[in-house]
Amino acid sequence: MLFHITQVHVPESCPRDDGGFKTLFNPDVKGLALVKVYGAFSEHKLHYVVEADNMEAVNKFLHPGLRRCSHVITPVIDQPF
């Protein structure tokens, strides 16, 4: 299943000088593939598209950023109706 994830942090918790945005997620979760990452860096916002077997994998993917970020997780499809 595909998921679109919007991850937002406030400027005070920006990881720019502390390892960068890659510190906010774990791409090595079993049952999850990171498809694409988009950044709206001036808004302190990241967008991920992941393919995951279940929500547990999505939650593990987001675990590193839980203390810095809020998340909106939306199941999506890549086919038109």
C-alpha atoms as a PDB file:
ATOM      1  CA  MET A   1       0.000   0.000   0.000  1.00  0.00           C
ATOM      2  CA  LEU A   2       1.212   3.521  -0.818  1.00  0.00           C
ATOM      3  CA  PHE A   3       1.213   6.318   1.741  1.00  0.00           C
ATOM      4  CA  HIS A   4       1.826  10.046   1.352  1.00  0.00           C
ATOM      5  CA  ILE A   5       3.313  11.471   4.534  1.00  0.00           C
ATOM      6  CA  THR A   6       3.616  15.162   5.336  1.00  0.00           C
ATOM      7  CA  GLN A   7       6.127  15.814   8.091  1.00  0.00           C
ATOM      8  CA  VAL A   8       6.342  19.298   9.663  1.00  0.00           C
ATOM      9  CA  HIS A   9       8.698  20.727  12.264  1.00  0.00           C
ATOM     10  CA  VAL A  10       9.072  24.194  13.734  1.00  0.00           C
ATOM     11  CA  PRO A  11      12.171  26.256  12.887  1.00  0.00           C
ATOM     12  CA  GLU A  12      13.506  25.815  16.432  1.00  0.00           C
ATOM     13  CA  SER A  13      13.712  22.028  15.951  1.00  0.00           C
ATOM     14  CA  CYS A  14      15.017  22.115  12.364  1.00  0.00           C
ATOM     15  CA  PRO A  15      17.600  19.371  11.784  1.00  0.00           C
ATOM     16  CA  ARG A  16      19.519  21.440   9.209  1.00  0.00           C
ATOM     17  CA  ASP A  17      22.608  21.817  11.414  1.00  0.00           C
ATOM     18  CA  ASP A  18      22.097  18.534  13.261  1.00  0.00           C
ATOM     19  CA  GLY A  19      22.483  15.864  10.590  1.00  0.00           C
ATOM     20  CA  GLY A  20      19.874  17.135   8.129  1.00  0.00           C
ATOM     21  CA  PHE A  21      16.422  15.913   7.207  1.00  0.00           C
ATOM     22  CA  LYS A  22      17.582  12.292   6.889  1.00  0.00           C
ATOM     23  CA  THR A  23      17.699  12.142  10.710  1.00  0.00           C
ATOM     24  CA  LEU A  24      13.883  12.457  10.798  1.00  0.00           C
ATOM     25  CA  PHE A  25      13.080   9.009   9.363  1.00  0.00           C
ATOM     26  CA  ASN A  26      14.344   5.436   9.234  1.00  0.00           C
ATOM     27  CA  PRO A  27      14.508   4.109   5.654  1.00  0.00           C
ATOM     28  CA  ASP A  28      15.650   0.638   6.797  1.00  0.00           C
ATOM     29  CA  VAL A  29      12.332  -0.603   8.170  1.00  0.00           C
ATOM     30  CA  LYS A  30      11.399  -4.135   7.127  1.00  0.00           C
ATOM     31  CA  GLY A  31       8.297  -4.093   4.938  1.00  0.00           C
ATOM     32  CA  LEU A  32       8.719  -0.464   3.832  1.00  0.00           C
ATOM     33  CA  ALA A  33      10.262   1.133   0.744  1.00  0.00           C
ATOM     34  CA  LEU A  34      10.897   4.851   0.473  1.00  0.00           C
ATOM     35  CA  VAL A  35       9.638   5.789  -3.001  1.00  0.00           C
ATOM     36  CA  LYS A  36      10.282   9.543  -3.075  1.00  0.00           C
ATOM     37  CA  VAL A  37      11.129  12.507  -0.834  1.00  0.00           C
ATOM     38  CA  TYR A  38      10.145  16.109  -1.558  1.00  0.00           C
ATOM     39  CA  GLY A  39      11.189  19.056   0.572  1.00  0.00           C
ATOM     40  CA  ALA A  40       9.576  22.446   1.091  1.00  0.00           C
ATOM     41  CA  PHE A  41      12.494  23.489   3.233  1.00  0.00           C
ATOM     42  CA  SER A  42      11.531  27.145   3.710  1.00  0.00           C
ATOM     43  CA  GLU A  43       8.259  25.850   5.201  1.00  0.00           C
ATOM     44  CA  HIS A  44      10.082  23.252   7.356  1.00  0.00           C
ATOM     45  CA  LYS A  45       7.975  20.609   5.657  1.00  0.00           C
ATOM     46  CA  LEU A  46       8.856  17.265   4.059  1.00  0.00           C
ATOM     47  CA  HIS A  47       6.720  15.007   1.909  1.00  0.00           C
ATOM     48  CA  TYR A  48       7.410  11.297   1.605  1.00  0.00           C
ATOM     49  CA  VAL A  49       5.846   8.639  -0.570  1.00  0.00           C
ATOM     50  CA  VAL A  50       6.394   5.197   0.919  1.00  0.00           C
ATOM     51  CA  GLU A  51       5.189   1.733   0.059  1.00  0.00           C
ATOM     52  CA  ALA A  52       4.506  -0.279   3.190  1.00  0.00           C
ATOM     53  CA  ASP A  53       2.992  -3.595   4.179  1.00  0.00           C
ATOM     54  CA  ASN A  54       1.183  -2.045   7.156  1.00  0.00           C
ATOM     55  CA  MET A  55       0.876   0.981   9.436  1.00  0.00           C
ATOM     56  CA  GLU A  56       3.316  -0.497  11.937  1.00  0.00           C
ATOM     57  CA  ALA A  57       6.061  -0.176   9.315  1.00  0.00           C
ATOM     58  CA  VAL A  58       5.040   3.441   8.617  1.00  0.00           C
ATOM     59  CA  ASN A  59       5.175   4.261  12.330  1.00  0.00           C
ATOM     60  CA  LYS A  60       8.650   2.699  12.621  1.00  0.00           C
ATOM     61  CA  PHE A  61       9.749   4.742   9.594  1.00  0.00           C
ATOM     62  CA  LEU A  62       8.669   7.964  11.343  1.00  0.00           C
ATOM     63  CA  HIS A  63       9.953   7.075  14.811  1.00  0.00           C
ATOM     64  CA  PRO A  64      13.224   9.106  14.608  1.00  0.00           C
ATOM     65  CA  GLY A  65      11.280  12.335  14.019  1.00  0.00           C
ATOM     66  CA  LEU A  66       8.502  11.891  16.558  1.00  0.00           C
ATOM     67  CA  ARG A  67       9.980  14.322  19.098  1.00  0.00           C
ATOM     68  CA  ARG A  68      10.574  17.034  16.477  1.00  0.00           C
ATOM     69  CA  CYS A  69       7.734  16.700  13.994  1.00  0.00           C
ATOM     70  CA  SER A  70       4.051  16.226  13.451  1.00  0.00           C
ATOM     71  CA  HIS A  71       2.807  13.926  10.698  1.00  0.00           C
ATOM     72  CA  VAL A  72      -0.164  13.507   8.419  1.00  0.00           C
ATOM     73  CA  ILE A  73      -0.360  10.046   6.836  1.00  0.00           C
ATOM     74  CA  THR A  74      -2.645   9.531   3.850  1.00  0.00           C
ATOM     75  CA  PRO A  75      -3.128   6.260   1.959  1.00  0.00           C
ATOM     76  CA  VAL A  76      -2.879   6.961  -1.781  1.00  0.00           C
ATOM     77  CA  ILE A  77      -2.980   5.105  -5.106  1.00  0.00           C
ATOM     78  CA  ASP A  78      -0.951   5.725  -8.237  1.00  0.00           C
ATOM     79  CA  GLN A  79      -3.788   4.991 -10.649  1.00  0.00           C
ATOM     80  CA  PRO A  80      -6.470   7.322 -11.947  1.00  0.00           C
ATOM     81  CA  PHE A  81     -10.081   6.384 -11.355  1.00  0.00           C
END
